[in-house]
Amino acid sequence: ADAANNWAPGAQKIDATSIAKPFREEIRTQIQKLKEVGIEAPLLVGLLANSDPAAKKYAEWTGRACKADGIRYELREIDDAIDVENAL
């Protein structure tokens, strides 16, 4: 065994992408069915309430994942984390 796995003997790395794949395919299928009857895709609104570059990057990746699955995504940057209702 390599040194990286000494902390968890017998541990196995799991590929999250392969686990998520059937769920993402189902989402795409359901969104396509909505569009076929004239209903817009769902909208996910992300709220960014700080200037942390890592948080912004995470929000951007979330947007890319949504777009890939047909979900509309909107990132709203707010100044006051307490005043979430006005951002919506």
PDB file of N, CA and C in Angstrom:
ATOM      1  N   ALA A   1       0.849  -1.194   0.000  1.00  0.00           N
ATOM      2  CA  ALA A   1       0.000   0.000   0.000  1.00  0.00           C
ATOM      3  C   ALA A   1       0.878   1.235   0.000  1.00  0.00           C
ATOM      4  N   ASP A   2       0.414   2.273  -0.659  1.00  0.00           N
ATOM      5  CA  ASP A   2       1.208   3.494  -0.679  1.00  0.00           C
ATOM      6  C   ASP A   2       0.967   4.295   0.587  1.00  0.00           C
ATOM      7  N   ALA A   3       1.860   5.222   0.876  1.00  0.00           N
ATOM      8  CA  ALA A   3       1.811   5.995   2.122  1.00  0.00           C
ATOM      9  C   ALA A   3       0.537   6.820   2.249  1.00  0.00           C
ATOM     10  N   ALA A   4      -0.062   7.220   1.128  1.00  0.00           N
ATOM     11  CA  ALA A   4      -1.267   8.057   1.174  1.00  0.00           C
ATOM     12  C   ALA A   4      -2.442   7.323   1.787  1.00  0.00           C
ATOM     13  N   ASN A   5      -2.470   5.999   1.730  1.00  0.00           N
ATOM     14  CA  ASN A   5      -3.596   5.235   2.260  1.00  0.00           C
ATOM     15  C   ASN A   5      -3.340   4.639   3.634  1.00  0.00           C
ATOM     16  N   ASN A   6      -2.203   4.936   4.257  1.00  0.00           N
ATOM     17  CA  ASN A   6      -1.894   4.383   5.576  1.00  0.00           C
ATOM     18  C   ASN A   6      -2.865   4.831   6.648  1.00  0.00           C
ATOM     19  N   TRP A   7      -3.469   5.968   6.487  1.00  0.00           N
ATOM     20  CA  TRP A   7      -4.399   6.476   7.492  1.00  0.00           C
ATOM     21  C   TRP A   7      -5.723   5.731   7.478  1.00  0.00           C
ATOM     22  N   ALA A   8      -6.039   5.056   6.378  1.00  0.00           N
ATOM     23  CA  ALA A   8      -7.309   4.336   6.264  1.00  0.00           C
ATOM     24  C   ALA A   8      -7.089   3.026   5.510  1.00  0.00           C
ATOM     25  N   PRO A   9      -6.492   2.049   6.174  1.00  0.00           N
ATOM     26  CA  PRO A   9      -6.252   0.774   5.493  1.00  0.00           C
ATOM     27  C   PRO A   9      -7.555   0.199   4.931  1.00  0.00           C
ATOM     28  N   GLY A  10      -7.487  -0.282   3.715  1.00  0.00           N
ATOM     29  CA  GLY A  10      -8.660  -0.854   3.076  1.00  0.00           C
ATOM     30  C   GLY A  10      -9.593   0.175   2.456  1.00  0.00           C
ATOM     31  N   ALA A  11      -9.258   1.452   2.567  1.00  0.00           N
ATOM     32  CA  ALA A  11     -10.104   2.505   2.007  1.00  0.00           C
ATOM     33  C   ALA A  11     -10.112   2.395   0.487  1.00  0.00           C
ATOM     34  N   GLN A  12     -11.206   2.840  -0.097  1.00  0.00           N
ATOM     35  CA  GLN A  12     -11.339   2.790  -1.550  1.00  0.00           C
ATOM     36  C   GLN A  12     -11.797   4.150  -2.048  1.00  0.00           C
ATOM     37  N   LYS A  13     -11.139   4.651  -3.063  1.00  0.00           N
ATOM     38  CA  LYS A  13     -11.520   5.920  -3.675  1.00  0.00           C
ATOM     39  C   LYS A  13     -12.780   5.707  -4.515  1.00  0.00           C
ATOM     40  N   ILE A  14     -13.747   6.595  -4.356  1.00  0.00           N
ATOM     41  CA  ILE A  14     -15.012   6.495  -5.089  1.00  0.00           C
ATOM     42  C   ILE A  14     -15.105   7.646  -6.072  1.00  0.00           C
ATOM     43  N   ASP A  15     -15.509   7.332  -7.285  1.00  0.00           N
ATOM     44  CA  ASP A  15     -15.656   8.334  -8.332  1.00  0.00           C
ATOM     45  C   ASP A  15     -17.057   8.943  -8.254  1.00  0.00           C
ATOM     46  N   ALA A  16     -17.153  10.155  -7.737  1.00  0.00           N
ATOM     47  CA  ALA A  16     -18.454  10.816  -7.573  1.00  0.00           C
ATOM     48  C   ALA A  16     -19.143  11.054  -8.911  1.00  0.00           C
ATOM     49  N   THR A  17     -18.373  11.265  -9.958  1.00  0.00           N
ATOM     50  CA  THR A  17     -18.960  11.514 -11.277  1.00  0.00           C
ATOM     51  C   THR A  17     -19.799  10.326 -11.740  1.00  0.00           C
ATOM     52  N   SER A  18     -19.286   9.125 -11.544  1.00  0.00           N
ATOM     53  CA  SER A  18     -20.036   7.949 -11.998  1.00  0.00           C
ATOM     54  C   SER A  18     -21.286   7.727 -11.153  1.00  0.00           C
ATOM     55  N   ILE A  19     -21.224   8.110  -9.888  1.00  0.00           N
ATOM     56  CA  ILE A  19     -22.404   7.987  -9.026  1.00  0.00           C
ATOM     57  C   ILE A  19     -23.460   9.011  -9.430  1.00  0.00           C
ATOM     58  N   ALA A  20     -23.033  10.215  -9.753  1.00  0.00           N
ATOM     59  CA  ALA A  20     -23.961  11.289 -10.105  1.00  0.00           C
ATOM     60  C   ALA A  20     -24.559  11.129 -11.502  1.00  0.00           C
ATOM     61  N   LYS A  21     -23.892  10.416 -12.379  1.00  0.00           N
ATOM     62  CA  LYS A  21     -24.290  10.340 -13.787  1.00  0.00           C
ATOM     63  C   LYS A  21     -25.762   9.971 -14.002  1.00  0.00           C
ATOM     64  N   PRO A  22     -26.288   8.892 -13.410  1.00  0.00           N
ATOM     65  CA  PRO A  22     -27.695   8.567 -13.688  1.00  0.00           C
ATOM     66  C   PRO A  22     -28.667   9.624 -13.164  1.00  0.00           C
ATOM     67  N   PHE A  23     -28.319  10.269 -12.076  1.00  0.00           N
ATOM     68  CA  PHE A  23     -29.182  11.317 -11.523  1.00  0.00           C
ATOM     69  C   PHE A  23     -29.187  12.535 -12.443  1.00  0.00           C
ATOM     70  N   ARG A  24     -28.014  12.895 -12.948  1.00  0.00           N
ATOM     71  CA  ARG A  24     -27.927  14.040 -13.850  1.00  0.00           C
ATOM     72  C   ARG A  24     -28.646  13.754 -15.164  1.00  0.00           C
ATOM     73  N   GLU A  25     -28.557  12.521 -15.646  1.00  0.00           N
ATOM     74  CA  GLU A  25     -29.272  12.159 -16.869  1.00  0.00           C
ATOM     75  C   GLU A  25     -30.782  12.269 -16.660  1.00  0.00           C
ATOM     76  N   GLU A  26     -31.267  11.845 -15.507  1.00  0.00           N
ATOM     77  CA  GLU A  26     -32.699  11.947 -15.207  1.00  0.00           C
ATOM     78  C   GLU A  26     -33.141  13.401 -15.131  1.00  0.00           C
ATOM     79  N   ILE A  27     -32.318  14.244 -14.544  1.00  0.00           N
ATOM     80  CA  ILE A  27     -32.631  15.674 -14.481  1.00  0.00           C
ATOM     81  C   ILE A  27     -32.741  16.246 -15.890  1.00  0.00           C
ATOM     82  N   ARG A  28     -31.785  15.939 -16.741  1.00  0.00           N
ATOM     83  CA  ARG A  28     -31.819  16.438 -18.127  1.00  0.00           C
ATOM     84  C   ARG A  28     -33.079  15.968 -18.847  1.00  0.00           C
ATOM     85  N   THR A  29     -33.440  14.713 -18.647  1.00  0.00           N
ATOM     86  CA  THR A  29     -34.637  14.154 -19.286  1.00  0.00           C
ATOM     87  C   THR A  29     -35.889  14.888 -18.822  1.00  0.00           C
ATOM     88  N   GLN A  30     -36.009  15.099 -17.523  1.00  0.00           N
ATOM     89  CA  GLN A  30     -37.195  15.764 -16.972  1.00  0.00           C
ATOM     90  C   GLN A  30     -37.269  17.227 -17.422  1.00  0.00           C
ATOM     91  N   ILE A  31     -36.140  17.894 -17.487  1.00  0.00           N
ATOM     92  CA  ILE A  31     -36.123  19.286 -17.950  1.00  0.00           C
ATOM     93  C   ILE A  31     -36.528  19.353 -19.418  1.00  0.00           C
ATOM     94  N   GLN A  32     -36.068  18.411 -20.213  1.00  0.00           N
ATOM     95  CA  GLN A  32     -36.457  18.383 -21.623  1.00  0.00           C
ATOM     96  C   GLN A  32     -37.964  18.191 -21.758  1.00  0.00           C
ATOM     97  N   LYS A  33     -38.551  17.342 -20.933  1.00  0.00           N
ATOM     98  CA  LYS A  33     -40.001  17.129 -20.964  1.00  0.00           C
ATOM     99  C   LYS A  33     -40.748  18.416 -20.606  1.00  0.00           C
ATOM    100  N   LEU A  34     -40.230  19.158 -19.634  1.00  0.00           N
ATOM    101  CA  LEU A  34     -40.849  20.438 -19.280  1.00  0.00           C
ATOM    102  C   LEU A  34     -40.815  21.389 -20.467  1.00  0.00           C
ATOM    103  N   LYS A  35     -39.659  21.487 -21.109  1.00  0.00           N
ATOM    104  CA  LYS A  35     -39.508  22.390 -22.250  1.00  0.00           C
ATOM    105  C   LYS A  35     -40.446  22.020 -23.389  1.00  0.00           C
ATOM    106  N   GLU A  36     -40.647  20.720 -23.589  1.00  0.00           N
ATOM    107  CA  GLU A  36     -41.514  20.263 -24.669  1.00  0.00           C
ATOM    108  C   GLU A  36     -42.971  20.697 -24.483  1.00  0.00           C
ATOM    109  N   VAL A  37     -43.376  20.956 -23.247  1.00  0.00           N
ATOM    110  CA  VAL A  37     -44.742  21.419 -22.994  1.00  0.00           C
ATOM    111  C   VAL A  37     -44.772  22.913 -22.661  1.00  0.00           C
ATOM    112  N   GLY A  38     -43.676  23.615 -22.968  1.00  0.00           N
ATOM    113  CA  GLY A  38     -43.645  25.060 -22.822  1.00  0.00           C
ATOM    114  C   GLY A  38     -43.330  25.586 -21.431  1.00  0.00           C
ATOM    115  N   ILE A  39     -42.766  24.748 -20.582  1.00  0.00           N
ATOM    116  CA  ILE A  39     -42.407  25.189 -19.225  1.00  0.00           C
ATOM    117  C   ILE A  39     -40.906  25.426 -19.175  1.00  0.00           C
ATOM    118  N   GLU A  40     -40.529  26.579 -18.639  1.00  0.00           N
ATOM    119  CA  GLU A  40     -39.112  26.904 -18.512  1.00  0.00           C
ATOM    120  C   GLU A  40     -38.407  25.951 -17.563  1.00  0.00           C
ATOM    121  N   ALA A  41     -37.122  25.787 -17.785  1.00  0.00           N
ATOM    122  CA  ALA A  41     -36.303  24.981 -16.879  1.00  0.00           C
ATOM    123  C   ALA A  41     -36.276  25.632 -15.502  1.00  0.00           C
ATOM    124  N   PRO A  42     -36.055  24.846 -14.461  1.00  0.00           N
ATOM    125  CA  PRO A  42     -35.955  25.413 -13.122  1.00  0.00           C
ATOM    126  C   PRO A  42     -34.810  26.427 -13.041  1.00  0.00           C
ATOM    127  N   LEU A  43     -34.950  27.349 -12.109  1.00  0.00           N
ATOM    128  CA  LEU A  43     -33.935  28.375 -11.887  1.00  0.00           C
ATOM    129  C   LEU A  43     -33.340  28.197 -10.500  1.00  0.00           C
ATOM    130  N   LEU A  44     -32.029  28.056 -10.433  1.00  0.00           N
ATOM    131  CA  LEU A  44     -31.323  28.029  -9.157  1.00  0.00           C
ATOM    132  C   LEU A  44     -30.659  29.386  -8.983  1.00  0.00           C
ATOM    133  N   VAL A  45     -30.952  30.053  -7.880  1.00  0.00           N
ATOM    134  CA  VAL A  45     -30.343  31.347  -7.580  1.00  0.00           C
ATOM    135  C   VAL A  45     -29.296  31.139  -6.506  1.00  0.00           C
ATOM    136  N   GLY A  46     -28.050  31.453  -6.844  1.00  0.00           N
ATOM    137  CA  GLY A  46     -26.960  31.381  -5.875  1.00  0.00           C
ATOM    138  C   GLY A  46     -26.736  32.754  -5.281  1.00  0.00           C
ATOM    139  N   LEU A  47     -26.585  32.800  -3.965  1.00  0.00           N
ATOM    140  CA  LEU A  47     -26.331  34.064  -3.277  1.00  0.00           C
ATOM    141  C   LEU A  47     -24.908  34.062  -2.742  1.00  0.00           C
ATOM    142  N   LEU A  48     -24.142  35.056  -3.125  1.00  0.00           N
ATOM    143  CA  LEU A  48     -22.761  35.189  -2.671  1.00  0.00           C
ATOM    144  C   LEU A  48     -22.688  36.404  -1.763  1.00  0.00           C
ATOM    145  N   ALA A  49     -22.421  36.164  -0.493  1.00  0.00           N
ATOM    146  CA  ALA A  49     -22.491  37.240   0.488  1.00  0.00           C
ATOM    147  C   ALA A  49     -21.126  37.609   1.057  1.00  0.00           C
ATOM    148  N   ASN A  50     -20.061  37.254   0.350  1.00  0.00           N
ATOM    149  CA  ASN A  50     -18.727  37.671   0.796  1.00  0.00           C
ATOM    150  C   ASN A  50     -17.820  37.785  -0.414  1.00  0.00           C
ATOM    151  N   SER A  51     -16.615  38.223  -0.190  1.00  0.00           N
ATOM    152  CA  SER A  51     -15.696  38.434  -1.310  1.00  0.00           C
ATOM    153  C   SER A  51     -14.635  37.338  -1.389  1.00  0.00           C
ATOM    154  N   ASP A  52     -14.876  36.217  -0.770  1.00  0.00           N
ATOM    155  CA  ASP A  52     -13.936  35.098  -0.793  1.00  0.00           C
ATOM    156  C   ASP A  52     -13.801  34.553  -2.210  1.00  0.00           C
ATOM    157  N   PRO A  53     -12.616  34.604  -2.791  1.00  0.00           N
ATOM    158  CA  PRO A  53     -12.433  34.121  -4.164  1.00  0.00           C
ATOM    159  C   PRO A  53     -12.801  32.641  -4.320  1.00  0.00           C
ATOM    160  N   ALA A  54     -12.551  31.848  -3.291  1.00  0.00           N
ATOM    161  CA  ALA A  54     -12.902  30.424  -3.367  1.00  0.00           C
ATOM    162  C   ALA A  54     -14.415  30.245  -3.425  1.00  0.00           C
ATOM    163  N   ALA A  55     -15.148  31.046  -2.683  1.00  0.00           N
ATOM    164  CA  ALA A  55     -16.611  30.977  -2.702  1.00  0.00           C
ATOM    165  C   ALA A  55     -17.134  31.376  -4.081  1.00  0.00           C
ATOM    166  N   LYS A  56     -16.534  32.395  -4.663  1.00  0.00           N
ATOM    167  CA  LYS A  56     -16.958  32.830  -5.995  1.00  0.00           C
ATOM    168  C   LYS A  56     -16.674  31.738  -7.026  1.00  0.00           C
ATOM    169  N   LYS A  57     -15.513  31.113  -6.933  1.00  0.00           N
ATOM    170  CA  LYS A  57     -15.156  30.036  -7.856  1.00  0.00           C
ATOM    171  C   LYS A  57     -16.140  28.880  -7.715  1.00  0.00           C
ATOM    172  N   TYR A  58     -16.489  28.524  -6.482  1.00  0.00           N
ATOM    173  CA  TYR A  58     -17.455  27.453  -6.238  1.00  0.00           C
ATOM    174  C   TYR A  58     -18.801  27.809  -6.872  1.00  0.00           C
ATOM    175  N   ALA A  59     -19.219  29.061  -6.707  1.00  0.00           N
ATOM    176  CA  ALA A  59     -20.489  29.514  -7.288  1.00  0.00           C
ATOM    177  C   ALA A  59     -20.433  29.435  -8.815  1.00  0.00           C
ATOM    178  N   GLU A  60     -19.314  29.784  -9.401  1.00  0.00           N
ATOM    179  CA  GLU A  60     -19.168  29.705 -10.857  1.00  0.00           C
ATOM    180  C   GLU A  60     -19.224  28.259 -11.339  1.00  0.00           C
ATOM    181  N   TRP A  61     -18.585  27.347 -10.626  1.00  0.00           N
ATOM    182  CA  TRP A  61     -18.630  25.928 -10.993  1.00  0.00           C
ATOM    183  C   TRP A  61     -20.053  25.386 -10.864  1.00  0.00           C
ATOM    184  N   THR A  62     -20.762  25.843  -9.846  1.00  0.00           N
ATOM    185  CA  THR A  62     -22.159  25.439  -9.685  1.00  0.00           C
ATOM    186  C   THR A  62     -22.959  25.878 -10.905  1.00  0.00           C
ATOM    187  N   GLY A  63     -22.720  27.099 -11.354  1.00  0.00           N
ATOM    188  CA  GLY A  63     -23.398  27.609 -12.548  1.00  0.00           C
ATOM    189  C   GLY A  63     -23.098  26.777 -13.778  1.00  0.00           C
ATOM    190  N   ARG A  64     -21.853  26.371 -13.939  1.00  0.00           N
ATOM    191  CA  ARG A  64     -21.482  25.540 -15.093  1.00  0.00           C
ATOM    192  C   ARG A  64     -22.192  24.189 -15.036  1.00  0.00           C
ATOM    193  N   ALA A  65     -22.252  23.600 -13.845  1.00  0.00           N
ATOM    194  CA  ALA A  65     -22.920  22.303 -13.690  1.00  0.00           C
ATOM    195  C   ALA A  65     -24.409  22.432 -13.994  1.00  0.00           C
ATOM    196  N   CYS A  66     -25.017  23.505 -13.513  1.00  0.00           N
ATOM    197  CA  CYS A  66     -26.434  23.730 -13.798  1.00  0.00           C
ATOM    198  C   CYS A  66     -26.665  23.850 -15.302  1.00  0.00           C
ATOM    199  N   LYS A  67     -25.862  24.669 -15.939  1.00  0.00           N
ATOM    200  CA  LYS A  67     -26.009  24.880 -17.383  1.00  0.00           C
ATOM    201  C   LYS A  67     -25.857  23.560 -18.140  1.00  0.00           C
ATOM    202  N   ALA A  68     -24.902  22.732 -17.731  1.00  0.00           N
ATOM    203  CA  ALA A  68     -24.673  21.449 -18.397  1.00  0.00           C
ATOM    204  C   ALA A  68     -25.892  20.533 -18.285  1.00  0.00           C
ATOM    205  N   ASP A  69     -26.667  20.701 -17.214  1.00  0.00           N
ATOM    206  CA  ASP A  69     -27.843  19.852 -17.004  1.00  0.00           C
ATOM    207  C   ASP A  69     -29.141  20.517 -17.431  1.00  0.00           C
ATOM    208  N   GLY A  70     -29.047  21.731 -17.976  1.00  0.00           N
ATOM    209  CA  GLY A  70     -30.245  22.402 -18.467  1.00  0.00           C
ATOM    210  C   GLY A  70     -30.965  23.248 -17.432  1.00  0.00           C
ATOM    211  N   ILE A  71     -30.351  23.420 -16.271  1.00  0.00           N
ATOM    212  CA  ILE A  71     -30.946  24.230 -15.210  1.00  0.00           C
ATOM    213  C   ILE A  71     -30.466  25.665 -15.374  1.00  0.00           C
ATOM    214  N   ARG A  72     -31.396  26.601 -15.285  1.00  0.00           N
ATOM    215  CA  ARG A  72     -31.008  28.006 -15.343  1.00  0.00           C
ATOM    216  C   ARG A  72     -30.344  28.367 -14.014  1.00  0.00           C
ATOM    217  N   TYR A  73     -29.337  29.222 -14.057  1.00  0.00           N
ATOM    218  CA  TYR A  73     -28.584  29.598 -12.853  1.00  0.00           C
ATOM    219  C   TYR A  73     -28.332  31.092 -12.871  1.00  0.00           C
ATOM    220  N   GLU A  74     -28.519  31.691 -11.741  1.00  0.00           N
ATOM    221  CA  GLU A  74     -28.270  33.124 -11.596  1.00  0.00           C
ATOM    222  C   GLU A  74     -27.507  33.340 -10.304  1.00  0.00           C
ATOM    223  N   LEU A  75     -26.361  33.987 -10.391  1.00  0.00           N
ATOM    224  CA  LEU A  75     -25.565  34.305  -9.209  1.00  0.00           C
ATOM    225  C   LEU A  75     -25.824  35.746  -8.823  1.00  0.00           C
ATOM    226  N   ARG A  76     -26.253  35.934  -7.600  1.00  0.00           N
ATOM    227  CA  ARG A  76     -26.494  37.282  -7.082  1.00  0.00           C
ATOM    228  C   ARG A  76     -25.516  37.553  -5.955  1.00  0.00           C
ATOM    229  N   GLU A  77     -24.771  38.628  -6.123  1.00  0.00           N
ATOM    230  CA  GLU A  77     -23.826  39.029  -5.078  1.00  0.00           C
ATOM    231  C   GLU A  77     -24.508  40.067  -4.202  1.00  0.00           C
ATOM    232  N   ILE A  78     -24.512  39.804  -2.904  1.00  0.00           N
ATOM    233  CA  ILE A  78     -25.188  40.706  -1.974  1.00  0.00           C
ATOM    234  C   ILE A  78     -24.189  41.247  -0.964  1.00  0.00           C
ATOM    235  N   ASP A  79     -24.459  42.464  -0.487  1.00  0.00           N
ATOM    236  CA  ASP A  79     -23.564  43.109   0.470  1.00  0.00           C
ATOM    237  C   ASP A  79     -23.846  42.683   1.903  1.00  0.00           C
ATOM    238  N   ASP A  80     -25.101  42.397   2.203  1.00  0.00           N
ATOM    239  CA  ASP A  80     -25.504  42.093   3.562  1.00  0.00           C
ATOM    240  C   ASP A  80     -26.048  40.672   3.635  1.00  0.00           C
ATOM    241  N   ALA A  81     -25.280  39.783   4.249  1.00  0.00           N
ATOM    242  CA  ALA A  81     -25.687  38.379   4.330  1.00  0.00           C
ATOM    243  C   ALA A  81     -26.996  38.214   5.091  1.00  0.00           C
ATOM    244  N   ILE A  82     -27.347  39.142   5.943  1.00  0.00           N
ATOM    245  CA  ILE A  82     -28.578  39.069   6.727  1.00  0.00           C
ATOM    246  C   ILE A  82     -29.798  39.406   5.848  1.00  0.00           C
ATOM    247  N   ASP A  83     -29.598  40.246   4.853  1.00  0.00           N
ATOM    248  CA  ASP A  83     -30.710  40.736   4.037  1.00  0.00           C
ATOM    249  C   ASP A  83     -30.926  39.881   2.786  1.00  0.00           C
ATOM    250  N   VAL A  84     -31.050  38.604   2.957  1.00  0.00           N
ATOM    251  CA  VAL A  84     -31.208  37.665   1.852  1.00  0.00           C
ATOM    252  C   VAL A  84     -32.519  37.874   1.108  1.00  0.00           C
ATOM    253  N   GLU A  85     -33.600  38.159   1.822  1.00  0.00           N
ATOM    254  CA  GLU A  85     -34.916  38.287   1.188  1.00  0.00           C
ATOM    255  C   GLU A  85     -34.932  39.343   0.099  1.00  0.00           C
ATOM    256  N   ASN A  86     -34.271  40.455   0.301  1.00  0.00           N
ATOM    257  CA  ASN A  86     -34.243  41.502  -0.724  1.00  0.00           C
ATOM    258  C   ASN A  86     -33.465  41.077  -1.954  1.00  0.00           C
ATOM    259  N   ALA A  87     -32.524  40.177  -1.786  1.00  0.00           N
ATOM    260  CA  ALA A  87     -31.735  39.699  -2.925  1.00  0.00           C
ATOM    261  C   ALA A  87     -32.561  38.796  -3.830  1.00  0.00           C
ATOM    262  N   LEU A  88     -33.597  38.188  -3.272  1.00  0.00           N
ATOM    263  CA  LEU A  88     -34.435  37.295  -4.069  1.00  0.00           C
ATOM    264  C   LEU A  88     -35.454  38.126  -4.815  1.00  0.00           C
TER     265      LEU A  88
END
